[in-house]
């Protein structure tokens, strides 16, 4: 199974992606692989604007008909914007995980250097597919 893994993004082992914007903010969402494993999303619990988060801290929740999954911050920072469209349209994450389906934006002094590139993340996604039990097997995702 092939997944969409854009080469210009950086990735966390917990299946989040990060993109630095022109204004210096970092946009975060979950990967195509993660939304595929979760299935149709029915609810997104967005983090509070102004919340200070640490790397690997759970700060949002995505729920599908199959499971609820924490979304972790890939960097230290402050949440400065959330995607309000997801409140009424959680399926945007399924339809466009790297675009309209973004979850939150961070103000951070961290760089994305500590995160994986697309090739490294692809290996993790492929390993998940090899197990192929149709659900998120990483305990951090369930």
C-alpha atoms as a PDB file:
ATOM      1  CA  UNK A   1       0.000   0.000   0.000  1.00  0.00           C
ATOM      2  CA  UNK A   2       1.426   3.364  -0.894  1.00  0.00           C
ATOM      3  CA  UNK A   3       0.899   6.453   1.187  1.00  0.00           C
ATOM      4  CA  UNK A   4       1.218  10.078   0.305  1.00  0.00           C
ATOM      5  CA  UNK A   5       4.335  11.296   2.133  1.00  0.00           C
ATOM      6  CA  UNK A   6       5.317  14.753   0.856  1.00  0.00           C
ATOM      7  CA  UNK A   7       9.082  15.189   0.672  1.00  0.00           C
ATOM      8  CA  UNK A   8       8.979  18.814   1.845  1.00  0.00           C
ATOM      9  CA  UNK A   9       7.529  17.963   5.271  1.00  0.00           C
ATOM     10  CA  UNK A  10       9.106  16.565   8.434  1.00  0.00           C
ATOM     11  CA  UNK A  11       7.568  13.777  10.474  1.00  0.00           C
ATOM     12  CA  UNK A  12       7.304  12.471  14.034  1.00  0.00           C
ATOM     13  CA  UNK A  13       7.272   8.762  14.895  1.00  0.00           C
ATOM     14  CA  UNK A  14       3.780   9.322  16.272  1.00  0.00           C
ATOM     15  CA  UNK A  15       2.511  10.101  12.732  1.00  0.00           C
ATOM     16  CA  UNK A  16       2.342  13.892  12.857  1.00  0.00           C
ATOM     17  CA  UNK A  17       3.740  16.077  10.092  1.00  0.00           C
ATOM     18  CA  UNK A  18       5.208  19.569  10.437  1.00  0.00           C
ATOM     19  CA  UNK A  19       5.667  22.340   7.886  1.00  0.00           C
ATOM     20  CA  UNK A  20       7.372  25.688   8.518  1.00  0.00           C
ATOM     21  CA  UNK A  21       5.296  28.531   7.073  1.00  0.00           C
ATOM     22  CA  UNK A  22       6.659  31.716   5.509  1.00  0.00           C
ATOM     23  CA  UNK A  23       5.726  33.610   8.690  1.00  0.00           C
ATOM     24  CA  UNK A  24       7.859  31.253  10.809  1.00  0.00           C
ATOM     25  CA  UNK A  25       4.931  29.383  12.346  1.00  0.00           C
ATOM     26  CA  UNK A  26       4.854  25.595  12.123  1.00  0.00           C
ATOM     27  CA  UNK A  27       1.682  23.905  10.873  1.00  0.00           C
ATOM     28  CA  UNK A  28       0.972  20.435  12.265  1.00  0.00           C
ATOM     29  CA  UNK A  29      -1.382  17.670  11.204  1.00  0.00           C
ATOM     30  CA  UNK A  30      -1.543  13.893  11.035  1.00  0.00           C
ATOM     31  CA  UNK A  31      -0.231  11.933   8.093  1.00  0.00           C
ATOM     32  CA  UNK A  32      -2.128  10.268   5.309  1.00  0.00           C
ATOM     33  CA  UNK A  33      -0.981   6.960   6.793  1.00  0.00           C
ATOM     34  CA  UNK A  34      -2.479   7.811  10.205  1.00  0.00           C
ATOM     35  CA  UNK A  35      -5.815   8.974   8.824  1.00  0.00           C
ATOM     36  CA  UNK A  36      -5.984   5.833   6.696  1.00  0.00           C
ATOM     37  CA  UNK A  37      -5.452   3.587   9.726  1.00  0.00           C
ATOM     38  CA  UNK A  38      -7.968   5.497  11.819  1.00  0.00           C
ATOM     39  CA  UNK A  39     -10.654   5.443   9.167  1.00  0.00           C
ATOM     40  CA  UNK A  40     -13.434   7.996   8.833  1.00  0.00           C
ATOM     41  CA  UNK A  41     -12.945  10.719  11.415  1.00  0.00           C
ATOM     42  CA  UNK A  42     -16.039  11.831  13.293  1.00  0.00           C
ATOM     43  CA  UNK A  43     -14.632  14.281  15.859  1.00  0.00           C
ATOM     44  CA  UNK A  44     -11.546  16.390  16.465  1.00  0.00           C
ATOM     45  CA  UNK A  45     -10.730  17.855  19.866  1.00  0.00           C
ATOM     46  CA  UNK A  46      -8.600  20.905  19.132  1.00  0.00           C
ATOM     47  CA  UNK A  47      -6.049  22.304  21.586  1.00  0.00           C
ATOM     48  CA  UNK A  48      -6.521  25.673  23.259  1.00  0.00           C
ATOM     49  CA  UNK A  49      -4.915  28.693  21.628  1.00  0.00           C
ATOM     50  CA  UNK A  50      -2.157  29.980  23.898  1.00  0.00           C
ATOM     51  CA  UNK A  51      -1.371  26.551  25.322  1.00  0.00           C
ATOM     52  CA  UNK A  52       2.314  25.866  25.847  1.00  0.00           C
ATOM     53  CA  UNK A  53       3.259  22.404  24.627  1.00  0.00           C
ATOM     54  CA  UNK A  54       6.361  20.266  24.856  1.00  0.00           C
ATOM     55  CA  UNK A  55       7.688  17.913  22.245  1.00  0.00           C
ATOM     56  CA  UNK A  56       5.736  14.609  22.269  1.00  0.00           C
ATOM     57  CA  UNK A  57       2.987  16.068  24.466  1.00  0.00           C
ATOM     58  CA  UNK A  58      -0.552  15.019  23.576  1.00  0.00           C
ATOM     59  CA  UNK A  59      -2.483  18.192  22.771  1.00  0.00           C
ATOM     60  CA  UNK A  60      -5.336  17.202  20.448  1.00  0.00           C
ATOM     61  CA  UNK A  61      -7.500  14.139  19.868  1.00  0.00           C
ATOM     62  CA  UNK A  62      -8.881  12.701  16.648  1.00  0.00           C
ATOM     63  CA  UNK A  63     -11.732  10.225  16.892  1.00  0.00           C
ATOM     64  CA  UNK A  64     -12.924   7.830  14.249  1.00  0.00           C
ATOM     65  CA  UNK A  65     -15.567   5.156  14.296  1.00  0.00           C
ATOM     66  CA  UNK A  66     -12.743   2.724  15.169  1.00  0.00           C
ATOM     67  CA  UNK A  67     -10.618   4.539  17.740  1.00  0.00           C
ATOM     68  CA  UNK A  68      -9.648   7.759  19.462  1.00  0.00           C
ATOM     69  CA  UNK A  69      -6.060   8.823  19.023  1.00  0.00           C
ATOM     70  CA  UNK A  70      -3.949  11.515  20.643  1.00  0.00           C
ATOM     71  CA  UNK A  71      -2.178  13.991  18.416  1.00  0.00           C
ATOM     72  CA  UNK A  72       1.238  14.921  19.791  1.00  0.00           C
ATOM     73  CA  UNK A  73       3.133  18.130  19.346  1.00  0.00           C
ATOM     74  CA  UNK A  74       6.261  17.448  17.280  1.00  0.00           C
ATOM     75  CA  UNK A  75       8.046  20.462  18.839  1.00  0.00           C
ATOM     76  CA  UNK A  76       8.172  22.667  21.925  1.00  0.00           C
ATOM     77  CA  UNK A  77       6.120  25.784  21.393  1.00  0.00           C
ATOM     78  CA  UNK A  78       2.907  27.730  21.892  1.00  0.00           C
ATOM     79  CA  UNK A  79      -0.290  26.945  20.003  1.00  0.00           C
ATOM     80  CA  UNK A  80      -1.259  30.126  18.184  1.00  0.00           C
ATOM     81  CA  UNK A  81      -3.942  28.898  15.781  1.00  0.00           C
ATOM     82  CA  UNK A  82      -6.247  25.901  15.401  1.00  0.00           C
ATOM     83  CA  UNK A  83      -8.181  24.724  12.380  1.00  0.00           C
ATOM     84  CA  UNK A  84     -11.741  25.679  13.352  1.00  0.00           C
ATOM     85  CA  UNK A  85     -13.092  24.052  10.172  1.00  0.00           C
ATOM     86  CA  UNK A  86     -12.447  20.647  11.730  1.00  0.00           C
ATOM     87  CA  UNK A  87     -15.131  21.225  14.380  1.00  0.00           C
ATOM     88  CA  UNK A  88     -17.849  20.754  11.766  1.00  0.00           C
ATOM     89  CA  UNK A  89     -15.811  18.924   9.141  1.00  0.00           C
ATOM     90  CA  UNK A  90     -13.436  16.388  10.761  1.00  0.00           C
ATOM     91  CA  UNK A  91     -13.433  14.507   7.461  1.00  0.00           C
ATOM     92  CA  UNK A  92     -11.159  17.213   6.028  1.00  0.00           C
ATOM     93  CA  UNK A  93      -8.324  15.269   7.667  1.00  0.00           C
ATOM     94  CA  UNK A  94      -9.324  12.175   5.680  1.00  0.00           C
ATOM     95  CA  UNK A  95      -9.748  14.122   2.452  1.00  0.00           C
ATOM     96  CA  UNK A  96      -6.711  16.421   2.610  1.00  0.00           C
ATOM     97  CA  UNK A  97      -4.437  15.577   5.568  1.00  0.00           C
ATOM     98  CA  UNK A  98      -1.587  17.824   4.357  1.00  0.00           C
ATOM     99  CA  UNK A  99      -3.762  20.756   3.298  1.00  0.00           C
ATOM    100  CA  UNK A 100      -7.228  21.700   4.542  1.00  0.00           C
ATOM    101  CA  UNK A 101      -6.969  19.016   7.223  1.00  0.00           C
ATOM    102  CA  UNK A 102      -4.176  20.643   9.234  1.00  0.00           C
ATOM    103  CA  UNK A 103      -4.850  20.655  12.998  1.00  0.00           C
ATOM    104  CA  UNK A 104      -2.861  23.437  14.691  1.00  0.00           C
ATOM    105  CA  UNK A 105      -0.080  25.984  14.251  1.00  0.00           C
ATOM    106  CA  UNK A 106       2.797  26.485  16.660  1.00  0.00           C
ATOM    107  CA  UNK A 107       5.045  29.396  17.426  1.00  0.00           C
ATOM    108  CA  UNK A 108       8.377  27.811  18.240  1.00  0.00           C
ATOM    109  CA  UNK A 109      12.077  28.543  18.414  1.00  0.00           C
ATOM    110  CA  UNK A 110      12.803  24.912  17.542  1.00  0.00           C
ATOM    111  CA  UNK A 111      13.795  23.814  14.083  1.00  0.00           C
ATOM    112  CA  UNK A 112      12.407  20.759  12.352  1.00  0.00           C
ATOM    113  CA  UNK A 113      15.863  19.177  12.234  1.00  0.00           C
ATOM    114  CA  UNK A 114      15.102  16.622  14.958  1.00  0.00           C
ATOM    115  CA  UNK A 115      12.134  15.263  13.018  1.00  0.00           C
ATOM    116  CA  UNK A 116      12.286  12.555  10.375  1.00  0.00           C
ATOM    117  CA  UNK A 117      12.416  13.241   6.685  1.00  0.00           C
ATOM    118  CA  UNK A 118       9.963  11.605   4.292  1.00  0.00           C
ATOM    119  CA  UNK A 119      12.231   8.625   3.615  1.00  0.00           C
ATOM    120  CA  UNK A 120      12.610   7.775   7.296  1.00  0.00           C
ATOM    121  CA  UNK A 121       8.894   8.172   7.926  1.00  0.00           C
ATOM    122  CA  UNK A 122       8.057   6.037   4.909  1.00  0.00           C
ATOM    123  CA  UNK A 123       9.967   3.159   6.523  1.00  0.00           C
ATOM    124  CA  UNK A 124       7.779   3.434   9.648  1.00  0.00           C
ATOM    125  CA  UNK A 125       4.587   3.557   7.598  1.00  0.00           C
ATOM    126  CA  UNK A 126       5.715   0.555   5.559  1.00  0.00           C
ATOM    127  CA  UNK A 127       6.508  -1.412   8.729  1.00  0.00           C
ATOM    128  CA  UNK A 128       2.969  -0.717   9.959  1.00  0.00           C
ATOM    129  CA  UNK A 129       1.586  -1.953   6.670  1.00  0.00           C
ATOM    130  CA  UNK A 130       3.591  -5.164   6.935  1.00  0.00           C
ATOM    131  CA  UNK A 131       1.702  -5.972  10.120  1.00  0.00           C
ATOM    132  CA  UNK A 132      -1.433  -5.088   8.160  1.00  0.00           C
ATOM    133  CA  UNK A 133      -4.020  -5.647  10.840  1.00  0.00           C
ATOM    134  CA  UNK A 134      -5.915  -2.549   9.804  1.00  0.00           C
ATOM    135  CA  UNK A 135      -5.505  -0.614  13.018  1.00  0.00           C
ATOM    136  CA  UNK A 136      -2.973   1.614  14.691  1.00  0.00           C
ATOM    137  CA  UNK A 137      -0.539  -0.736  16.366  1.00  0.00           C
ATOM    138  CA  UNK A 138       1.666   1.902  17.955  1.00  0.00           C
ATOM    139  CA  UNK A 139       0.461   2.136  21.572  1.00  0.00           C
ATOM    140  CA  UNK A 140       1.083   5.876  21.493  1.00  0.00           C
ATOM    141  CA  UNK A 141      -1.596   6.181  18.844  1.00  0.00           C
ATOM    142  CA  UNK A 142      -4.379   4.240  20.514  1.00  0.00           C
END
